[in-house]
Amino acid sequence: MSETSRVSVIIPAYNSEQHIGRLLESLAKQTHRNFEVILVDDCSTDNTYEVAKILWKKIKLIIEP
């Protein structure tokens, strides 16, 4: 894969507040830099999105009702 290839990382999440930080830290260590992160939150009742937003400023959010 060339460095110009754009990759979308789609993360399905439900009440993942305790684990989302480790996942995003792993993504930050990747050598391929041209990617976006899309968080699909299935109506979490915890702070999954808030924690993710603090750690990954350009995260895209999709909320499933």
PDB file of N, CA and C in Angstrom:
ATOM      1  N   MET A   1       0.847  -1.175   0.000  1.00  0.00           N
ATOM      2  CA  MET A   1       0.000   0.000   0.000  1.00  0.00           C
ATOM      3  C   MET A   1       0.893   1.239   0.000  1.00  0.00           C
ATOM      4  N   SER A   2       0.645   2.129  -0.903  1.00  0.00           N
ATOM      5  CA  SER A   2       1.468   3.331  -0.960  1.00  0.00           C
ATOM      6  C   SER A   2       1.061   4.303   0.145  1.00  0.00           C
ATOM      7  N   GLU A   3       1.973   5.177   0.488  1.00  0.00           N
ATOM      8  CA  GLU A   3       1.720   6.147   1.558  1.00  0.00           C
ATOM      9  C   GLU A   3       0.616   7.138   1.187  1.00  0.00           C
ATOM     10  N   THR A   4       0.294   7.248  -0.084  1.00  0.00           N
ATOM     11  CA  THR A   4      -0.777   8.155  -0.498  1.00  0.00           C
ATOM     12  C   THR A   4      -2.157   7.510  -0.385  1.00  0.00           C
ATOM     13  N   SER A   5      -2.214   6.197  -0.173  1.00  0.00           N
ATOM     14  CA  SER A   5      -3.503   5.520  -0.031  1.00  0.00           C
ATOM     15  C   SER A   5      -4.165   5.939   1.267  1.00  0.00           C
ATOM     16  N   ARG A   6      -5.422   6.333   1.165  1.00  0.00           N
ATOM     17  CA  ARG A   6      -6.176   6.741   2.357  1.00  0.00           C
ATOM     18  C   ARG A   6      -6.911   5.527   2.910  1.00  0.00           C
ATOM     19  N   VAL A   7      -6.819   5.346   4.210  1.00  0.00           N
ATOM     20  CA  VAL A   7      -7.446   4.218   4.889  1.00  0.00           C
ATOM     21  C   VAL A   7      -8.469   4.756   5.883  1.00  0.00           C
ATOM     22  N   SER A   8      -9.634   4.127   5.917  1.00  0.00           N
ATOM     23  CA  SER A   8     -10.648   4.454   6.921  1.00  0.00           C
ATOM     24  C   SER A   8     -10.665   3.339   7.957  1.00  0.00           C
ATOM     25  N   VAL A   9     -10.482   3.720   9.215  1.00  0.00           N
ATOM     26  CA  VAL A   9     -10.547   2.767  10.316  1.00  0.00           C
ATOM     27  C   VAL A   9     -11.899   2.963  10.986  1.00  0.00           C
ATOM     28  N   ILE A  10     -12.742   1.943  10.912  1.00  0.00           N
ATOM     29  CA  ILE A  10     -14.093   2.038  11.458  1.00  0.00           C
ATOM     30  C   ILE A  10     -14.131   1.243  12.759  1.00  0.00           C
ATOM     31  N   ILE A  11     -14.519   1.925  13.843  1.00  0.00           N
ATOM     32  CA  ILE A  11     -14.536   1.309  15.160  1.00  0.00           C
ATOM     33  C   ILE A  11     -15.974   1.226  15.657  1.00  0.00           C
ATOM     34  N   PRO A  12     -16.538   0.030  15.707  1.00  0.00           N
ATOM     35  CA  PRO A  12     -17.851  -0.114  16.329  1.00  0.00           C
ATOM     36  C   PRO A  12     -17.664  -0.102  17.847  1.00  0.00           C
ATOM     37  N   ALA A  13     -18.514   0.625  18.552  1.00  0.00           N
ATOM     38  CA  ALA A  13     -18.323   0.742  20.002  1.00  0.00           C
ATOM     39  C   ALA A  13     -19.656   0.783  20.735  1.00  0.00           C
ATOM     40  N   TYR A  14     -19.647   0.152  21.886  1.00  0.00           N
ATOM     41  CA  TYR A  14     -20.769   0.251  22.816  1.00  0.00           C
ATOM     42  C   TYR A  14     -20.188   0.122  24.217  1.00  0.00           C
ATOM     43  N   ASN A  15     -20.310   1.189  24.990  1.00  0.00           N
ATOM     44  CA  ASN A  15     -19.772   1.230  26.352  1.00  0.00           C
ATOM     45  C   ASN A  15     -18.320   0.748  26.401  1.00  0.00           C
ATOM     46  N   SER A  16     -17.493   1.379  25.595  1.00  0.00           N
ATOM     47  CA  SER A  16     -16.085   0.995  25.458  1.00  0.00           C
ATOM     48  C   SER A  16     -15.138   1.986  26.113  1.00  0.00           C
ATOM     49  N   GLU A  17     -15.646   2.779  27.036  1.00  0.00           N
ATOM     50  CA  GLU A  17     -14.852   3.815  27.687  1.00  0.00           C
ATOM     51  C   GLU A  17     -13.535   3.283  28.251  1.00  0.00           C
ATOM     52  N   GLN A  18     -13.542   2.104  28.838  1.00  0.00           N
ATOM     53  CA  GLN A  18     -12.344   1.558  29.472  1.00  0.00           C
ATOM     54  C   GLN A  18     -11.306   1.060  28.471  1.00  0.00           C
ATOM     55  N   HIS A  19     -11.713   0.801  27.227  1.00  0.00           N
ATOM     56  CA  HIS A  19     -10.800   0.185  26.259  1.00  0.00           C
ATOM     57  C   HIS A  19     -10.450   1.077  25.071  1.00  0.00           C
ATOM     58  N   ILE A  20     -11.218   2.116  24.839  1.00  0.00           N
ATOM     59  CA  ILE A  20     -11.033   2.934  23.634  1.00  0.00           C
ATOM     60  C   ILE A  20      -9.668   3.636  23.623  1.00  0.00           C
ATOM     61  N   GLY A  21      -9.168   3.989  24.795  1.00  0.00           N
ATOM     62  CA  GLY A  21      -7.861   4.656  24.874  1.00  0.00           C
ATOM     63  C   GLY A  21      -6.738   3.780  24.369  1.00  0.00           C
ATOM     64  N   ARG A  22      -6.728   2.526  24.756  1.00  0.00           N
ATOM     65  CA  ARG A  22      -5.684   1.589  24.317  1.00  0.00           C
ATOM     66  C   ARG A  22      -5.756   1.378  22.808  1.00  0.00           C
ATOM     67  N   LEU A  23      -6.968   1.286  22.290  1.00  0.00           N
ATOM     68  CA  LEU A  23      -7.154   1.102  20.847  1.00  0.00           C
ATOM     69  C   LEU A  23      -6.607   2.309  20.074  1.00  0.00           C
ATOM     70  N   LEU A  24      -6.943   3.514  20.521  1.00  0.00           N
ATOM     71  CA  LEU A  24      -6.496   4.716  19.817  1.00  0.00           C
ATOM     72  C   LEU A  24      -4.986   4.910  19.946  1.00  0.00           C
ATOM     73  N   GLU A  25      -4.409   4.530  21.076  1.00  0.00           N
ATOM     74  CA  GLU A  25      -2.953   4.594  21.225  1.00  0.00           C
ATOM     75  C   GLU A  25      -2.275   3.662  20.226  1.00  0.00           C
ATOM     76  N   SER A  26      -2.857   2.503  20.018  1.00  0.00           N
ATOM     77  CA  SER A  26      -2.315   1.563  19.041  1.00  0.00           C
ATOM     78  C   SER A  26      -2.386   2.138  17.631  1.00  0.00           C
ATOM     79  N   LEU A  27      -3.486   2.771  17.306  1.00  0.00           N
ATOM     80  CA  LEU A  27      -3.616   3.404  15.988  1.00  0.00           C
ATOM     81  C   LEU A  27      -2.574   4.502  15.797  1.00  0.00           C
ATOM     82  N   ALA A  28      -2.316   5.264  16.835  1.00  0.00           N
ATOM     83  CA  ALA A  28      -1.355   6.368  16.743  1.00  0.00           C
ATOM     84  C   ALA A  28       0.059   5.867  16.458  1.00  0.00           C
ATOM     85  N   LYS A  29       0.353   4.625  16.789  1.00  0.00           N
ATOM     86  CA  LYS A  29       1.683   4.049  16.583  1.00  0.00           C
ATOM     87  C   LYS A  29       1.881   3.454  15.190  1.00  0.00           C
ATOM     88  N   GLN A  30       0.845   3.454  14.372  1.00  0.00           N
ATOM     89  CA  GLN A  30       0.941   2.880  13.037  1.00  0.00           C
ATOM     90  C   GLN A  30       1.891   3.708  12.166  1.00  0.00           C
ATOM     91  N   THR A  31       2.580   3.039  11.265  1.00  0.00           N
ATOM     92  CA  THR A  31       3.512   3.754  10.388  1.00  0.00           C
ATOM     93  C   THR A  31       2.789   4.433   9.232  1.00  0.00           C
ATOM     94  N   HIS A  32       1.661   3.881   8.813  1.00  0.00           N
ATOM     95  CA  HIS A  32       0.866   4.517   7.756  1.00  0.00           C
ATOM     96  C   HIS A  32       0.131   5.698   8.386  1.00  0.00           C
ATOM     97  N   ARG A  33       0.323   6.890   7.878  1.00  0.00           N
ATOM     98  CA  ARG A  33      -0.211   8.092   8.520  1.00  0.00           C
ATOM     99  C   ARG A  33      -1.462   8.642   7.850  1.00  0.00           C
ATOM    100  N   ASN A  34      -1.787   8.185   6.673  1.00  0.00           N
ATOM    101  CA  ASN A  34      -2.899   8.761   5.932  1.00  0.00           C
ATOM    102  C   ASN A  34      -4.175   7.951   6.183  1.00  0.00           C
ATOM    103  N   PHE A  35      -4.777   8.169   7.358  1.00  0.00           N
ATOM    104  CA  PHE A  35      -6.000   7.452   7.663  1.00  0.00           C
ATOM    105  C   PHE A  35      -6.939   8.307   8.497  1.00  0.00           C
ATOM    106  N   GLU A  36      -8.203   7.943   8.471  1.00  0.00           N
ATOM    107  CA  GLU A  36      -9.212   8.610   9.275  1.00  0.00           C
ATOM    108  C   GLU A  36      -9.795   7.584  10.245  1.00  0.00           C
ATOM    109  N   VAL A  37     -10.334   8.076  11.351  1.00  0.00           N
ATOM    110  CA  VAL A  37     -10.954   7.203  12.339  1.00  0.00           C
ATOM    111  C   VAL A  37     -12.434   7.555  12.419  1.00  0.00           C
ATOM    112  N   ILE A  38     -13.270   6.535  12.234  1.00  0.00           N
ATOM    113  CA  ILE A  38     -14.717   6.707  12.316  1.00  0.00           C
ATOM    114  C   ILE A  38     -15.204   5.844  13.473  1.00  0.00           C
ATOM    115  N   LEU A  39     -15.819   6.474  14.460  1.00  0.00           N
ATOM    116  CA  LEU A  39     -16.363   5.761  15.610  1.00  0.00           C
ATOM    117  C   LEU A  39     -17.864   5.608  15.421  1.00  0.00           C
ATOM    118  N   VAL A  40     -18.327   4.378  15.380  1.00  0.00           N
ATOM    119  CA  VAL A  40     -19.750   4.095  15.270  1.00  0.00           C
ATOM    120  C   VAL A  40     -20.212   3.701  16.673  1.00  0.00           C
ATOM    121  N   ASP A  41     -20.888   4.626  17.347  1.00  0.00           N
ATOM    122  CA  ASP A  41     -21.303   4.429  18.728  1.00  0.00           C
ATOM    123  C   ASP A  41     -22.757   3.966  18.761  1.00  0.00           C
ATOM    124  N   ASP A  42     -22.972   2.792  19.302  1.00  0.00           N
ATOM    125  CA  ASP A  42     -24.312   2.208  19.373  1.00  0.00           C
ATOM    126  C   ASP A  42     -25.013   2.644  20.665  1.00  0.00           C
ATOM    127  N   CYS A  43     -25.183   3.962  20.813  1.00  0.00           N
ATOM    128  CA  CYS A  43     -25.893   4.561  21.964  1.00  0.00           C
ATOM    129  C   CYS A  43     -25.279   4.164  23.299  1.00  0.00           C
ATOM    130  N   SER A  44     -23.972   4.307  23.420  1.00  0.00           N
ATOM    131  CA  SER A  44     -23.306   4.006  24.687  1.00  0.00           C
ATOM    132  C   SER A  44     -23.886   4.839  25.812  1.00  0.00           C
ATOM    133  N   THR A  45     -23.894   4.249  26.991  1.00  0.00           N
ATOM    134  CA  THR A  45     -24.379   4.971  28.174  1.00  0.00           C
ATOM    135  C   THR A  45     -23.223   5.444  29.042  1.00  0.00           C
ATOM    136  N   ASP A  46     -21.989   5.194  28.605  1.00  0.00           N
ATOM    137  CA  ASP A  46     -20.819   5.674  29.322  1.00  0.00           C
ATOM    138  C   ASP A  46     -20.188   6.825  28.531  1.00  0.00           C
ATOM    139  N   ASN A  47     -18.949   7.114  28.764  1.00  0.00           N
ATOM    140  CA  ASN A  47     -18.271   8.251  28.118  1.00  0.00           C
ATOM    141  C   ASN A  47     -17.365   7.822  26.970  1.00  0.00           C
ATOM    142  N   THR A  48     -17.762   6.805  26.238  1.00  0.00           N
ATOM    143  CA  THR A  48     -16.940   6.294  25.141  1.00  0.00           C
ATOM    144  C   THR A  48     -16.538   7.410  24.184  1.00  0.00           C
ATOM    145  N   TYR A  49     -17.498   8.159  23.680  1.00  0.00           N
ATOM    146  CA  TYR A  49     -17.187   9.198  22.694  1.00  0.00           C
ATOM    147  C   TYR A  49     -16.332  10.308  23.292  1.00  0.00           C
ATOM    148  N   GLU A  50     -16.643  10.734  24.494  1.00  0.00           N
ATOM    149  CA  GLU A  50     -15.896  11.825  25.122  1.00  0.00           C
ATOM    150  C   GLU A  50     -14.424  11.448  25.305  1.00  0.00           C
ATOM    151  N   VAL A  51     -14.177  10.221  25.748  1.00  0.00           N
ATOM    152  CA  VAL A  51     -12.799   9.753  25.921  1.00  0.00           C
ATOM    153  C   VAL A  51     -12.096   9.695  24.566  1.00  0.00           C
ATOM    154  N   ALA A  52     -12.764   9.160  23.565  1.00  0.00           N
ATOM    155  CA  ALA A  52     -12.175   9.064  22.230  1.00  0.00           C
ATOM    156  C   ALA A  52     -11.863  10.448  21.671  1.00  0.00           C
ATOM    157  N   LYS A  53     -12.762  11.380  21.862  1.00  0.00           N
ATOM    158  CA  LYS A  53     -12.579  12.744  21.335  1.00  0.00           C
ATOM    159  C   LYS A  53     -11.376  13.432  21.983  1.00  0.00           C
ATOM    160  N   ILE A  54     -11.154  13.196  23.252  1.00  0.00           N
ATOM    161  CA  ILE A  54      -9.994  13.779  23.932  1.00  0.00           C
ATOM    162  C   ILE A  54      -8.701  13.222  23.341  1.00  0.00           C
ATOM    163  N   LEU A  55      -8.685  11.931  23.059  1.00  0.00           N
ATOM    164  CA  LEU A  55      -7.470  11.275  22.581  1.00  0.00           C
ATOM    165  C   LEU A  55      -7.253  11.419  21.083  1.00  0.00           C
ATOM    166  N   TRP A  56      -8.321  11.595  20.327  1.00  0.00           N
ATOM    167  CA  TRP A  56      -8.217  11.651  18.869  1.00  0.00           C
ATOM    168  C   TRP A  56      -9.070  12.813  18.386  1.00  0.00           C
ATOM    169  N   LYS A  57      -8.454  13.940  18.168  1.00  0.00           N
ATOM    170  CA  LYS A  57      -9.187  15.195  17.884  1.00  0.00           C
ATOM    171  C   LYS A  57     -10.034  15.149  16.622  1.00  0.00           C
ATOM    172  N   LYS A  58      -9.614  14.425  15.616  1.00  0.00           N
ATOM    173  CA  LYS A  58     -10.309  14.455  14.331  1.00  0.00           C
ATOM    174  C   LYS A  58     -11.181  13.233  14.113  1.00  0.00           C
ATOM    175  N   ILE A  59     -11.730  12.699  15.181  1.00  0.00           N
ATOM    176  CA  ILE A  59     -12.566  11.511  15.063  1.00  0.00           C
ATOM    177  C   ILE A  59     -13.932  11.880  14.482  1.00  0.00           C
ATOM    178  N   LYS A  60     -14.445  11.028  13.610  1.00  0.00           N
ATOM    179  CA  LYS A  60     -15.786  11.215  13.068  1.00  0.00           C
ATOM    180  C   LYS A  60     -16.711  10.320  13.863  1.00  0.00           C
ATOM    181  N   LEU A  61     -17.888  10.805  14.171  1.00  0.00           N
ATOM    182  CA  LEU A  61     -18.827  10.039  14.996  1.00  0.00           C
ATOM    183  C   LEU A  61     -20.092   9.731  14.231  1.00  0.00           C
ATOM    184  N   ILE A  62     -20.490   8.477  14.332  1.00  0.00           N
ATOM    185  CA  ILE A  62     -21.794   8.052  13.834  1.00  0.00           C
ATOM    186  C   ILE A  62     -22.494   7.426  15.030  1.00  0.00           C
ATOM    187  N   ILE A  63     -23.679   7.912  15.357  1.00  0.00           N
ATOM    188  CA  ILE A  63     -24.451   7.369  16.477  1.00  0.00           C
ATOM    189  C   ILE A  63     -25.603   6.563  15.925  1.00  0.00           C
ATOM    190  N   GLU A  64     -25.675   5.328  16.337  1.00  0.00           N
ATOM    191  CA  GLU A  64     -26.768   4.457  15.916  1.00  0.00           C
ATOM    192  C   GLU A  64     -27.851   4.473  16.990  1.00  0.00           C
ATOM    193  N   PRO A  65     -29.086   4.778  16.619  1.00  0.00           N
ATOM    194  CA  PRO A  65     -30.169   4.798  17.622  1.00  0.00           C
ATOM    195  C   PRO A  65     -30.576   3.400  18.050  1.00  0.00           C
TER     196      PRO A  65
END
